[in-house]
Amino acid sequence: MNIIVWFKRKSAIRKYLKILGPTLKEKYGKKNSYEAREVIDTVRHLKLTEKFVFYALALYCTKEDYEKVVEYPQSMVMDYAMARTAGFNIALASGVFSGSDSASTDSSIDGGGDFGGDT
């Protein structure tokens, strides 16, 4: 991945965490996961980039919803676990969970779904 794409991806994921998460919680209530349509519609409403929307889907939807929406062939798009892990890694590396501001401490990601949270 070239450096420009890497920075754009990182920026998109940070916005999904800091802007999309709280907006989903505000619009649909706090949930362990959101429907794919809710995530996509909110990304569009907020005018966030859709190029990396599969990361938002992996972070906020169930594996089943992700696999229904994300187009294949597999070589073109990451599977659910890889996309979710990449999103969490960027969140941790960026300090999104550090508690430095109120938006970063409540992005509506609770580790639910396949990673052992309450469902």
PDB file of N, CA and C in Angstrom:
ATOM      1  N   MET A   1       0.858  -1.168   0.000  1.00  0.00           N
ATOM      2  CA  MET A   1       0.000   0.000   0.000  1.00  0.00           C
ATOM      3  C   MET A   1       0.903   1.229   0.000  1.00  0.00           C
ATOM      4  N   ASN A   2       0.616   2.152  -0.915  1.00  0.00           N
ATOM      5  CA  ASN A   2       1.473   3.333  -0.931  1.00  0.00           C
ATOM      6  C   ASN A   2       1.141   4.248   0.243  1.00  0.00           C
ATOM      7  N   ILE A   3       2.057   5.133   0.544  1.00  0.00           N
ATOM      8  CA  ILE A   3       1.961   5.969   1.741  1.00  0.00           C
ATOM      9  C   ILE A   3       0.749   6.896   1.722  1.00  0.00           C
ATOM     10  N   ILE A   4       0.374   7.400   0.564  1.00  0.00           N
ATOM     11  CA  ILE A   4      -0.780   8.303   0.469  1.00  0.00           C
ATOM     12  C   ILE A   4      -2.069   7.546   0.797  1.00  0.00           C
ATOM     13  N   VAL A   5      -2.220   6.366   0.231  1.00  0.00           N
ATOM     14  CA  VAL A   5      -3.402   5.544   0.529  1.00  0.00           C
ATOM     15  C   VAL A   5      -3.413   5.170   2.001  1.00  0.00           C
ATOM     16  N   TRP A   6      -2.253   4.858   2.559  1.00  0.00           N
ATOM     17  CA  TRP A   6      -2.169   4.491   3.971  1.00  0.00           C
ATOM     18  C   TRP A   6      -2.666   5.641   4.848  1.00  0.00           C
ATOM     19  N   PHE A   7      -2.221   6.880   4.565  1.00  0.00           N
ATOM     20  CA  PHE A   7      -2.668   8.031   5.356  1.00  0.00           C
ATOM     21  C   PHE A   7      -4.155   8.301   5.169  1.00  0.00           C
ATOM     22  N   LYS A   8      -4.659   8.161   3.964  1.00  0.00           N
ATOM     23  CA  LYS A   8      -6.092   8.363   3.722  1.00  0.00           C
ATOM     24  C   LYS A   8      -6.919   7.321   4.463  1.00  0.00           C
ATOM     25  N   ARG A   9      -6.445   6.078   4.444  1.00  0.00           N
ATOM     26  CA  ARG A   9      -7.151   5.009   5.159  1.00  0.00           C
ATOM     27  C   ARG A   9      -7.163   5.300   6.653  1.00  0.00           C
ATOM     28  N   LYS A  10      -6.026   5.672   7.190  1.00  0.00           N
ATOM     29  CA  LYS A  10      -5.927   5.984   8.621  1.00  0.00           C
ATOM     30  C   LYS A  10      -6.854   7.143   8.987  1.00  0.00           C
ATOM     31  N   SER A  11      -6.867   8.176   8.163  1.00  0.00           N
ATOM     32  CA  SER A  11      -7.733   9.328   8.410  1.00  0.00           C
ATOM     33  C   SER A  11      -9.208   8.927   8.367  1.00  0.00           C
ATOM     34  N   ALA A  12      -9.576   8.116   7.398  1.00  0.00           N
ATOM     35  CA  ALA A  12     -10.972   7.674   7.277  1.00  0.00           C
ATOM     36  C   ALA A  12     -11.386   6.874   8.507  1.00  0.00           C
ATOM     37  N   ILE A  13     -10.541   5.950   8.940  1.00  0.00           N
ATOM     38  CA  ILE A  13     -10.887   5.123  10.102  1.00  0.00           C
ATOM     39  C   ILE A  13     -10.992   5.974  11.348  1.00  0.00           C
ATOM     40  N   ARG A  14     -10.102   6.936  11.518  1.00  0.00           N
ATOM     41  CA  ARG A  14     -10.185   7.828  12.679  1.00  0.00           C
ATOM     42  C   ARG A  14     -11.511   8.589  12.681  1.00  0.00           C
ATOM     43  N   LYS A  15     -11.956   9.050  11.505  1.00  0.00           N
ATOM     44  CA  LYS A  15     -13.244   9.755  11.412  1.00  0.00           C
ATOM     45  C   LYS A  15     -14.401   8.807  11.684  1.00  0.00           C
ATOM     46  N   TYR A  16     -14.297   7.556  11.222  1.00  0.00           N
ATOM     47  CA  TYR A  16     -15.343   6.577  11.521  1.00  0.00           C
ATOM     48  C   TYR A  16     -15.453   6.385  13.033  1.00  0.00           C
ATOM     49  N   LEU A  17     -14.329   6.409  13.724  1.00  0.00           N
ATOM     50  CA  LEU A  17     -14.331   6.212  15.167  1.00  0.00           C
ATOM     51  C   LEU A  17     -14.796   7.452  15.922  1.00  0.00           C
ATOM     52  N   LYS A  18     -14.296   8.610  15.541  1.00  0.00           N
ATOM     53  CA  LYS A  18     -14.577   9.833  16.303  1.00  0.00           C
ATOM     54  C   LYS A  18     -15.886  10.509  15.919  1.00  0.00           C
ATOM     55  N   ILE A  19     -16.315  10.358  14.670  1.00  0.00           N
ATOM     56  CA  ILE A  19     -17.524  11.048  14.207  1.00  0.00           C
ATOM     57  C   ILE A  19     -18.677  10.067  13.993  1.00  0.00           C
ATOM     58  N   LEU A  20     -18.412   9.006  13.259  1.00  0.00           N
ATOM     59  CA  LEU A  20     -19.466   8.045  12.918  1.00  0.00           C
ATOM     60  C   LEU A  20     -20.012   7.336  14.150  1.00  0.00           C
ATOM     61  N   GLY A  21     -19.146   6.827  15.002  1.00  0.00           N
ATOM     62  CA  GLY A  21     -19.592   6.090  16.190  1.00  0.00           C
ATOM     63  C   GLY A  21     -20.562   6.876  17.053  1.00  0.00           C
ATOM     64  N   PRO A  22     -20.176   8.077  17.487  1.00  0.00           N
ATOM     65  CA  PRO A  22     -21.099   8.873  18.295  1.00  0.00           C
ATOM     66  C   PRO A  22     -22.396   9.232  17.562  1.00  0.00           C
ATOM     67  N   THR A  23     -22.312   9.455  16.249  1.00  0.00           N
ATOM     68  CA  THR A  23     -23.513   9.779  15.475  1.00  0.00           C
ATOM     69  C   THR A  23     -24.449   8.579  15.402  1.00  0.00           C
ATOM     70  N   LEU A  24     -23.901   7.394  15.197  1.00  0.00           N
ATOM     71  CA  LEU A  24     -24.739   6.186  15.192  1.00  0.00           C
ATOM     72  C   LEU A  24     -25.432   6.026  16.541  1.00  0.00           C
ATOM     73  N   LYS A  25     -24.696   6.231  17.607  1.00  0.00           N
ATOM     74  CA  LYS A  25     -25.274   6.108  18.954  1.00  0.00           C
ATOM     75  C   LYS A  25     -26.393   7.124  19.157  1.00  0.00           C
ATOM     76  N   GLU A  26     -26.167   8.346  18.684  1.00  0.00           N
ATOM     77  CA  GLU A  26     -27.169   9.403  18.830  1.00  0.00           C
ATOM     78  C   GLU A  26     -28.429   9.097  18.014  1.00  0.00           C
ATOM     79  N   LYS A  27     -28.233   8.633  16.761  1.00  0.00           N
ATOM     80  CA  LYS A  27     -29.373   8.394  15.869  1.00  0.00           C
ATOM     81  C   LYS A  27     -30.141   7.116  16.194  1.00  0.00           C
ATOM     82  N   TYR A  28     -29.425   6.045  16.563  1.00  0.00           N
ATOM     83  CA  TYR A  28     -30.052   4.729  16.687  1.00  0.00           C
ATOM     84  C   TYR A  28     -29.978   4.142  18.091  1.00  0.00           C
ATOM     85  N   GLY A  29     -29.389   4.861  19.021  1.00  0.00           N
ATOM     86  CA  GLY A  29     -29.235   4.357  20.371  1.00  0.00           C
ATOM     87  C   GLY A  29     -27.978   3.504  20.489  1.00  0.00           C
ATOM     88  N   LYS A  30     -27.546   3.278  21.716  1.00  0.00           N
ATOM     89  CA  LYS A  30     -26.338   2.483  21.942  1.00  0.00           C
ATOM     90  C   LYS A  30     -26.665   1.003  21.720  1.00  0.00           C
ATOM     91  N   LYS A  31     -25.899   0.380  20.813  1.00  0.00           N
ATOM     92  CA  LYS A  31     -26.104  -1.029  20.484  1.00  0.00           C
ATOM     93  C   LYS A  31     -24.747  -1.716  20.392  1.00  0.00           C
ATOM     94  N   ASN A  32     -24.748  -3.024  20.493  1.00  0.00           N
ATOM     95  CA  ASN A  32     -23.520  -3.785  20.262  1.00  0.00           C
ATOM     96  C   ASN A  32     -23.147  -3.778  18.797  1.00  0.00           C
ATOM     97  N   SER A  33     -24.140  -3.710  17.908  1.00  0.00           N
ATOM     98  CA  SER A  33     -23.875  -3.624  16.474  1.00  0.00           C
ATOM     99  C   SER A  33     -25.036  -2.886  15.812  1.00  0.00           C
ATOM    100  N   TYR A  34     -24.727  -2.316  14.659  1.00  0.00           N
ATOM    101  CA  TYR A  34     -25.725  -1.586  13.884  1.00  0.00           C
ATOM    102  C   TYR A  34     -25.947  -2.318  12.569  1.00  0.00           C
ATOM    103  N   GLU A  35     -27.076  -2.055  11.951  1.00  0.00           N
ATOM    104  CA  GLU A  35     -27.345  -2.645  10.645  1.00  0.00           C
ATOM    105  C   GLU A  35     -26.457  -1.963   9.612  1.00  0.00           C
ATOM    106  N   ALA A  36     -26.079  -2.708   8.601  1.00  0.00           N
ATOM    107  CA  ALA A  36     -25.210  -2.173   7.549  1.00  0.00           C
ATOM    108  C   ALA A  36     -25.825  -0.935   6.917  1.00  0.00           C
ATOM    109  N   ARG A  37     -27.119  -0.946   6.682  1.00  0.00           N
ATOM    110  CA  ARG A  37     -27.789   0.201   6.062  1.00  0.00           C
ATOM    111  C   ARG A  37     -27.670   1.427   6.956  1.00  0.00           C
ATOM    112  N   GLU A  38     -27.782   1.268   8.270  1.00  0.00           N
ATOM    113  CA  GLU A  38     -27.638   2.398   9.192  1.00  0.00           C
ATOM    114  C   GLU A  38     -26.239   3.005   9.083  1.00  0.00           C
ATOM    115  N   VAL A  39     -25.237   2.144   9.023  1.00  0.00           N
ATOM    116  CA  VAL A  39     -23.848   2.616   8.937  1.00  0.00           C
ATOM    117  C   VAL A  39     -23.610   3.337   7.614  1.00  0.00           C
ATOM    118  N   ILE A  40     -23.991   2.721   6.523  1.00  0.00           N
ATOM    119  CA  ILE A  40     -23.766   3.319   5.197  1.00  0.00           C
ATOM    120  C   ILE A  40     -24.525   4.632   5.055  1.00  0.00           C
ATOM    121  N   ASP A  41     -25.786   4.650   5.463  1.00  0.00           N
ATOM    122  CA  ASP A  41     -26.574   5.886   5.367  1.00  0.00           C
ATOM    123  C   ASP A  41     -25.953   7.008   6.209  1.00  0.00           C
ATOM    124  N   THR A  42     -25.447   6.670   7.382  1.00  0.00           N
ATOM    125  CA  THR A  42     -24.846   7.683   8.255  1.00  0.00           C
ATOM    126  C   THR A  42     -23.518   8.174   7.685  1.00  0.00           C
ATOM    127  N   VAL A  43     -22.728   7.286   7.106  1.00  0.00           N
ATOM    128  CA  VAL A  43     -21.484   7.694   6.446  1.00  0.00           C
ATOM    129  C   VAL A  43     -21.802   8.692   5.343  1.00  0.00           C
ATOM    130  N   ARG A  44     -22.819   8.403   4.558  1.00  0.00           N
ATOM    131  CA  ARG A  44     -23.210   9.309   3.460  1.00  0.00           C
ATOM    132  C   ARG A  44     -23.745  10.625   3.999  1.00  0.00           C
ATOM    133  N   HIS A  45     -24.576  10.559   5.026  1.00  0.00           N
ATOM    134  CA  HIS A  45     -25.148  11.768   5.623  1.00  0.00           C
ATOM    135  C   HIS A  45     -24.046  12.687   6.165  1.00  0.00           C
ATOM    136  N   LEU A  46     -23.038  12.100   6.783  1.00  0.00           N
ATOM    137  CA  LEU A  46     -21.929  12.870   7.348  1.00  0.00           C
ATOM    138  C   LEU A  46     -20.900  13.285   6.295  1.00  0.00           C
ATOM    139  N   LYS A  47     -21.092  12.778   5.064  1.00  0.00           N
ATOM    140  CA  LYS A  47     -20.163  13.058   3.959  1.00  0.00           C
ATOM    141  C   LYS A  47     -18.748  12.580   4.270  1.00  0.00           C
ATOM    142  N   LEU A  48     -18.664  11.423   4.935  1.00  0.00           N
ATOM    143  CA  LEU A  48     -17.376  10.790   5.171  1.00  0.00           C
ATOM    144  C   LEU A  48     -17.021   9.965   3.943  1.00  0.00           C
ATOM    145  N   THR A  49     -15.751   9.686   3.751  1.00  0.00           N
ATOM    146  CA  THR A  49     -15.337   8.930   2.579  1.00  0.00           C
ATOM    147  C   THR A  49     -15.945   7.523   2.598  1.00  0.00           C
ATOM    148  N   GLU A  50     -16.399   7.093   1.431  1.00  0.00           N
ATOM    149  CA  GLU A  50     -16.969   5.754   1.300  1.00  0.00           C
ATOM    150  C   GLU A  50     -15.947   4.742   0.773  1.00  0.00           C
ATOM    151  N   LYS A  51     -14.773   5.237   0.396  1.00  0.00           N
ATOM    152  CA  LYS A  51     -13.754   4.352  -0.161  1.00  0.00           C
ATOM    153  C   LYS A  51     -13.362   3.252   0.820  1.00  0.00           C
ATOM    154  N   PHE A  52     -13.347   3.571   2.096  1.00  0.00           N
ATOM    155  CA  PHE A  52     -12.928   2.620   3.118  1.00  0.00           C
ATOM    156  C   PHE A  52     -14.086   2.202   4.018  1.00  0.00           C
ATOM    157  N   VAL A  53     -15.309   2.279   3.498  1.00  0.00           N
ATOM    158  CA  VAL A  53     -16.496   2.016   4.317  1.00  0.00           C
ATOM    159  C   VAL A  53     -16.517   0.594   4.881  1.00  0.00           C
ATOM    160  N   PHE A  54     -15.807  -0.329   4.248  1.00  0.00           N
ATOM    161  CA  PHE A  54     -15.800  -1.686   4.789  1.00  0.00           C
ATOM    162  C   PHE A  54     -15.173  -1.726   6.182  1.00  0.00           C
ATOM    163  N   TYR A  55     -14.280  -0.770   6.512  1.00  0.00           N
ATOM    164  CA  TYR A  55     -13.757  -0.695   7.883  1.00  0.00           C
ATOM    165  C   TYR A  55     -14.870  -0.273   8.845  1.00  0.00           C
ATOM    166  N   ALA A  56     -15.669   0.702   8.445  1.00  0.00           N
ATOM    167  CA  ALA A  56     -16.781   1.138   9.290  1.00  0.00           C
ATOM    168  C   ALA A  56     -17.768  -0.004   9.501  1.00  0.00           C
ATOM    169  N   LEU A  57     -18.044  -0.750   8.438  1.00  0.00           N
ATOM    170  CA  LEU A  57     -18.952  -1.891   8.555  1.00  0.00           C
ATOM    171  C   LEU A  57     -18.379  -2.947   9.490  1.00  0.00           C
ATOM    172  N   ALA A  58     -17.085  -3.201   9.401  1.00  0.00           N
ATOM    173  CA  ALA A  58     -16.456  -4.194  10.276  1.00  0.00           C
ATOM    174  C   ALA A  58     -16.464  -3.737  11.729  1.00  0.00           C
ATOM    175  N   LEU A  59     -16.314  -2.438  11.952  1.00  0.00           N
ATOM    176  CA  LEU A  59     -16.286  -1.917  13.317  1.00  0.00           C
ATOM    177  C   LEU A  59     -17.662  -1.866  13.973  1.00  0.00           C
ATOM    178  N   TYR A  60     -18.695  -1.605  13.180  1.00  0.00           N
ATOM    179  CA  TYR A  60     -20.014  -1.342  13.765  1.00  0.00           C
ATOM    180  C   TYR A  60     -21.090  -2.371  13.432  1.00  0.00           C
ATOM    181  N   CYS A  61     -20.800  -3.350  12.578  1.00  0.00           N
ATOM    182  CA  CYS A  61     -21.804  -4.343  12.185  1.00  0.00           C
ATOM    183  C   CYS A  61     -21.357  -5.744  12.591  1.00  0.00           C
ATOM    184  N   THR A  62     -22.286  -6.673  12.513  1.00  0.00           N
ATOM    185  CA  THR A  62     -21.943  -8.067  12.746  1.00  0.00           C
ATOM    186  C   THR A  62     -21.215  -8.634  11.523  1.00  0.00           C
ATOM    187  N   LYS A  63     -20.581  -9.748  11.724  1.00  0.00           N
ATOM    188  CA  LYS A  63     -19.882 -10.407  10.616  1.00  0.00           C
ATOM    189  C   LYS A  63     -20.864 -10.767   9.504  1.00  0.00           C
ATOM    190  N   GLU A  64     -22.044 -11.207   9.866  1.00  0.00           N
ATOM    191  CA  GLU A  64     -23.053 -11.579   8.878  1.00  0.00           C
ATOM    192  C   GLU A  64     -23.456 -10.388   8.015  1.00  0.00           C
ATOM    193  N   ASP A  65     -23.712  -9.239   8.649  1.00  0.00           N
ATOM    194  CA  ASP A  65     -24.064  -8.033   7.891  1.00  0.00           C
ATOM    195  C   ASP A  65     -22.912  -7.592   6.997  1.00  0.00           C
ATOM    196  N   TYR A  66     -21.708  -7.649   7.532  1.00  0.00           N
ATOM    197  CA  TYR A  66     -20.525  -7.273   6.752  1.00  0.00           C
ATOM    198  C   TYR A  66     -20.419  -8.120   5.491  1.00  0.00           C
ATOM    199  N   GLU A  67     -20.566  -9.420   5.660  1.00  0.00           N
ATOM    200  CA  GLU A  67     -20.403 -10.326   4.522  1.00  0.00           C
ATOM    201  C   GLU A  67     -21.537 -10.201   3.503  1.00  0.00           C
ATOM    202  N   LYS A  68     -22.711  -9.766   3.930  1.00  0.00           N
ATOM    203  CA  LYS A  68     -23.811  -9.543   2.994  1.00  0.00           C
ATOM    204  C   LYS A  68     -23.580  -8.303   2.126  1.00  0.00           C
ATOM    205  N   VAL A  69     -22.931  -7.300   2.690  1.00  0.00           N
ATOM    206  CA  VAL A  69     -22.799  -6.011   2.029  1.00  0.00           C
ATOM    207  C   VAL A  69     -21.493  -5.868   1.251  1.00  0.00           C
ATOM    208  N   VAL A  70     -20.403  -6.338   1.817  1.00  0.00           N
ATOM    209  CA  VAL A  70     -19.096  -6.149   1.191  1.00  0.00           C
ATOM    210  C   VAL A  70     -18.980  -7.061  -0.016  1.00  0.00           C
ATOM    211  N   GLU A  71     -18.608  -6.462  -1.133  1.00  0.00           N
ATOM    212  CA  GLU A  71     -18.507  -7.208  -2.375  1.00  0.00           C
ATOM    213  C   GLU A  71     -17.209  -7.999  -2.438  1.00  0.00           C
ATOM    214  N   TYR A  72     -17.265  -9.100  -3.092  1.00  0.00           N
ATOM    215  CA  TYR A  72     -16.104  -9.940  -3.290  1.00  0.00           C
ATOM    216  C   TYR A  72     -15.726  -9.879  -4.758  1.00  0.00           C
ATOM    217  N   PRO A  73     -14.603 -10.214  -5.243  1.00  0.00           N
ATOM    218  CA  PRO A  73     -13.735 -11.279  -4.766  1.00  0.00           C
ATOM    219  C   PRO A  73     -12.933 -10.874  -3.535  1.00  0.00           C
ATOM    220  N   GLN A  74     -12.596 -11.856  -2.768  1.00  0.00           N
ATOM    221  CA  GLN A  74     -11.884 -11.672  -1.512  1.00  0.00           C
ATOM    222  C   GLN A  74     -10.589 -10.889  -1.675  1.00  0.00           C
ATOM    223  N   SER A  75      -9.935 -11.041  -2.801  1.00  0.00           N
ATOM    224  CA  SER A  75      -8.654 -10.365  -2.996  1.00  0.00           C
ATOM    225  C   SER A  75      -8.808  -8.847  -3.055  1.00  0.00           C
ATOM    226  N   MET A  76      -9.995  -8.362  -3.327  1.00  0.00           N
ATOM    227  CA  MET A  76     -10.206  -6.927  -3.454  1.00  0.00           C
ATOM    228  C   MET A  76     -10.533  -6.259  -2.110  1.00  0.00           C
ATOM    229  N   VAL A  77     -11.118  -6.995  -1.203  1.00  0.00           N
ATOM    230  CA  VAL A  77     -11.562  -6.424   0.062  1.00  0.00           C
ATOM    231  C   VAL A  77     -11.166  -7.369   1.191  1.00  0.00           C
ATOM    232  N   MET A  78     -10.815  -6.799   2.337  1.00  0.00           N
ATOM    233  CA  MET A  78     -10.446  -7.605   3.497  1.00  0.00           C
ATOM    234  C   MET A  78     -11.645  -8.351   4.049  1.00  0.00           C
ATOM    235  N   ASP A  79     -11.360  -9.490   4.670  1.00  0.00           N
ATOM    236  CA  ASP A  79     -12.444 -10.163   5.361  1.00  0.00           C
ATOM    237  C   ASP A  79     -12.757  -9.410   6.656  1.00  0.00           C
ATOM    238  N   TYR A  80     -13.833  -9.794   7.297  1.00  0.00           N
ATOM    239  CA  TYR A  80     -14.340  -9.099   8.476  1.00  0.00           C
ATOM    240  C   TYR A  80     -13.291  -8.976   9.584  1.00  0.00           C
ATOM    241  N   ALA A  81     -12.658 -10.078   9.926  1.00  0.00           N
ATOM    242  CA  ALA A  81     -11.697 -10.065  11.035  1.00  0.00           C
ATOM    243  C   ALA A  81     -10.509  -9.156  10.740  1.00  0.00           C
ATOM    244  N   MET A  82     -10.010  -9.191   9.523  1.00  0.00           N
ATOM    245  CA  MET A  82      -8.873  -8.338   9.162  1.00  0.00           C
ATOM    246  C   MET A  82      -9.265  -6.862   9.193  1.00  0.00           C
ATOM    247  N   ALA A  83     -10.428  -6.531   8.657  1.00  0.00           N
ATOM    248  CA  ALA A  83     -10.872  -5.132   8.636  1.00  0.00           C
ATOM    249  C   ALA A  83     -11.126  -4.631  10.054  1.00  0.00           C
ATOM    250  N   ARG A  84     -11.744  -5.452  10.875  1.00  0.00           N
ATOM    251  CA  ARG A  84     -12.038  -5.063  12.259  1.00  0.00           C
ATOM    252  C   ARG A  84     -10.746  -4.872  13.058  1.00  0.00           C
ATOM    253  N   THR A  85      -9.812  -5.792  12.883  1.00  0.00           N
ATOM    254  CA  THR A  85      -8.532  -5.696  13.576  1.00  0.00           C
ATOM    255  C   THR A  85      -7.762  -4.458  13.143  1.00  0.00           C
ATOM    256  N   ALA A  86      -7.735  -4.187  11.851  1.00  0.00           N
ATOM    257  CA  ALA A  86      -7.045  -2.990  11.354  1.00  0.00           C
ATOM    258  C   ALA A  86      -7.671  -1.728  11.939  1.00  0.00           C
ATOM    259  N   GLY A  87      -8.987  -1.688  12.012  1.00  0.00           N
ATOM    260  CA  GLY A  87      -9.674  -0.537  12.592  1.00  0.00           C
ATOM    261  C   GLY A  87      -9.324  -0.331  14.051  1.00  0.00           C
ATOM    262  N   PHE A  88      -9.335  -1.413  14.825  1.00  0.00           N
ATOM    263  CA  PHE A  88      -8.982  -1.306  16.244  1.00  0.00           C
ATOM    264  C   PHE A  88      -7.511  -0.931  16.414  1.00  0.00           C
ATOM    265  N   ASN A  89      -6.630  -1.469  15.587  1.00  0.00           N
ATOM    266  CA  ASN A  89      -5.209  -1.122  15.680  1.00  0.00           C
ATOM    267  C   ASN A  89      -4.990   0.358  15.419  1.00  0.00           C
ATOM    268  N   ILE A  90      -5.670   0.901  14.433  1.00  0.00           N
ATOM    269  CA  ILE A  90      -5.542   2.336  14.151  1.00  0.00           C
ATOM    270  C   ILE A  90      -6.130   3.148  15.298  1.00  0.00           C
ATOM    271  N   ALA A  91      -7.226   2.690  15.864  1.00  0.00           N
ATOM    272  CA  ALA A  91      -7.817   3.387  17.004  1.00  0.00           C
ATOM    273  C   ALA A  91      -6.846   3.431  18.182  1.00  0.00           C
ATOM    274  N   LEU A  92      -6.241   2.313  18.476  1.00  0.00           N
ATOM    275  CA  LEU A  92      -5.297   2.258  19.589  1.00  0.00           C
ATOM    276  C   LEU A  92      -4.051   3.085  19.314  1.00  0.00           C
ATOM    277  N   ALA A  93      -3.509   2.973  18.109  1.00  0.00           N
ATOM    278  CA  ALA A  93      -2.304   3.729  17.751  1.00  0.00           C
ATOM    279  C   ALA A  93      -2.571   5.223  17.710  1.00  0.00           C
ATOM    280  N   SER A  94      -3.789   5.610  17.397  1.00  0.00           N
ATOM    281  CA  SER A  94      -4.149   7.029  17.289  1.00  0.00           C
ATOM    282  C   SER A  94      -4.577   7.619  18.623  1.00  0.00           C
ATOM    283  N   GLY A  95      -4.706   6.798  19.629  1.00  0.00           N
ATOM    284  CA  GLY A  95      -5.124   7.292  20.930  1.00  0.00           C
ATOM    285  C   GLY A  95      -6.606   7.549  21.036  1.00  0.00           C
ATOM    286  N   VAL A  96      -7.409   6.943  20.172  1.00  0.00           N
ATOM    287  CA  VAL A  96      -8.855   7.172  20.207  1.00  0.00           C
ATOM    288  C   VAL A  96      -9.445   6.704  21.531  1.00  0.00           C
ATOM    289  N   PHE A  97      -8.880   5.682  22.135  1.00  0.00           N
ATOM    290  CA  PHE A  97      -9.390   5.172  23.404  1.00  0.00           C
ATOM    291  C   PHE A  97      -8.625   5.717  24.598  1.00  0.00           C
ATOM    292  N   SER A  98      -7.811   6.748  24.396  1.00  0.00           N
ATOM    293  CA  SER A  98      -6.944   7.241  25.460  1.00  0.00           C
ATOM    294  C   SER A  98      -7.663   8.103  26.485  1.00  0.00           C
ATOM    295  N   GLY A  99      -8.845   8.604  26.130  1.00  0.00           N
ATOM    296  CA  GLY A  99      -9.571   9.458  27.059  1.00  0.00           C
ATOM    297  C   GLY A  99      -9.133  10.913  26.994  1.00  0.00           C
ATOM    298  N   SER A 100      -8.458  11.312  25.904  1.00  0.00           N
ATOM    299  CA  SER A 100      -7.975  12.684  25.793  1.00  0.00           C
ATOM    300  C   SER A 100      -9.093  13.685  25.540  1.00  0.00           C
ATOM    301  N   ASP A 101     -10.211  13.231  25.000  1.00  0.00           N
ATOM    302  CA  ASP A 101     -11.368  14.108  24.842  1.00  0.00           C
ATOM    303  C   ASP A 101     -12.628  13.268  24.878  1.00  0.00           C
ATOM    304  N   SER A 102     -13.779  13.910  25.046  1.00  0.00           N
ATOM    305  CA  SER A 102     -15.019  13.158  25.238  1.00  0.00           C
ATOM    306  C   SER A 102     -15.413  12.362  24.014  1.00  0.00           C
ATOM    307  N   ALA A 103     -15.149  12.852  22.812  1.00  0.00           N
ATOM    308  CA  ALA A 103     -15.516  12.115  21.604  1.00  0.00           C
ATOM    309  C   ALA A 103     -14.713  10.836  21.487  1.00  0.00           C
ATOM    310  N   SER A 104     -13.467  10.877  21.920  1.00  0.00           N
ATOM    311  CA  SER A 104     -12.624   9.703  21.751  1.00  0.00           C
ATOM    312  C   SER A 104     -12.959   8.610  22.751  1.00  0.00           C
ATOM    313  N   THR A 105     -13.551   8.954  23.875  1.00  0.00           N
ATOM    314  CA  THR A 105     -13.829   7.938  24.871  1.00  0.00           C
ATOM    315  C   THR A 105     -15.145   7.232  24.645  1.00  0.00           C
ATOM    316  N   ASP A 106     -15.976   7.731  23.741  1.00  0.00           N
ATOM    317  CA  ASP A 106     -17.279   7.125  23.528  1.00  0.00           C
ATOM    318  C   ASP A 106     -17.592   7.032  22.047  1.00  0.00           C
ATOM    319  N   SER A 107     -16.894   6.161  21.353  1.00  0.00           N
ATOM    320  CA  SER A 107     -17.125   6.020  19.915  1.00  0.00           C
ATOM    321  C   SER A 107     -18.132   4.925  19.611  1.00  0.00           C
ATOM    322  N   SER A 108     -18.792   4.389  20.619  1.00  0.00           N
ATOM    323  CA  SER A 108     -19.805   3.346  20.486  1.00  0.00           C
ATOM    324  C   SER A 108     -19.238   2.003  20.058  1.00  0.00           C
ATOM    325  N   ILE A 109     -17.961   1.821  20.165  1.00  0.00           N
ATOM    326  CA  ILE A 109     -17.369   0.525  19.922  1.00  0.00           C
ATOM    327  C   ILE A 109     -17.149  -0.109  21.278  1.00  0.00           C
ATOM    328  N   ASP A 110     -17.736  -1.259  21.470  1.00  0.00           N
ATOM    329  CA  ASP A 110     -17.602  -1.908  22.765  1.00  0.00           C
ATOM    330  C   ASP A 110     -17.005  -3.287  22.681  1.00  0.00           C
ATOM    331  N   GLY A 111     -16.479  -3.653  21.533  1.00  0.00           N
ATOM    332  CA  GLY A 111     -15.880  -4.977  21.405  1.00  0.00           C
ATOM    333  C   GLY A 111     -16.916  -6.073  21.281  1.00  0.00           C
ATOM    334  N   GLY A 112     -18.155  -5.728  20.965  1.00  0.00           N
ATOM    335  CA  GLY A 112     -19.216  -6.716  20.840  1.00  0.00           C
ATOM    336  C   GLY A 112     -19.026  -7.602  19.640  1.00  0.00           C
ATOM    337  N   GLY A 113     -20.032  -8.352  19.336  1.00  0.00           N
ATOM    338  CA  GLY A 113     -19.977  -9.230  18.179  1.00  0.00           C
ATOM    339  C   GLY A 113     -19.022 -10.389  18.383  1.00  0.00           C
ATOM    340  N   ASP A 114     -18.136 -10.597  17.432  1.00  0.00           N
ATOM    341  CA  ASP A 114     -17.262 -11.758  17.453  1.00  0.00           C
ATOM    342  C   ASP A 114     -16.113 -11.661  18.439  1.00  0.00           C
ATOM    343  N   PHE A 115     -15.964 -10.555  19.144  1.00  0.00           N
ATOM    344  CA  PHE A 115     -14.829 -10.396  20.016  1.00  0.00           C
ATOM    345  C   PHE A 115     -15.221 -10.469  21.484  1.00  0.00           C
ATOM    346  N   GLY A 116     -16.314 -11.109  21.808  1.00  0.00           N
ATOM    347  CA  GLY A 116     -16.612 -11.458  23.175  1.00  0.00           C
ATOM    348  C   GLY A 116     -17.410 -10.472  23.979  1.00  0.00           C
ATOM    349  N   GLY A 117     -17.947  -9.428  23.400  1.00  0.00           N
ATOM    350  CA  GLY A 117     -18.774  -8.506  24.149  1.00  0.00           C
ATOM    351  C   GLY A 117     -20.171  -9.068  24.370  1.00  0.00           C
ATOM    352  N   ASP A 118     -20.941  -8.434  25.207  1.00  0.00           N
ATOM    353  CA  ASP A 118     -22.319  -8.870  25.423  1.00  0.00           C
ATOM    354  C   ASP A 118     -23.137  -8.574  24.186  1.00  0.00           C
ATOM    355  N   THR A 119     -24.010  -9.479  23.827  1.00  0.00           N
ATOM    356  CA  THR A 119     -24.875  -9.264  22.661  1.00  0.00           C
ATOM    357  C   THR A 119     -26.317  -9.213  23.044  1.00  0.00           C
TER     358      THR A 119
END
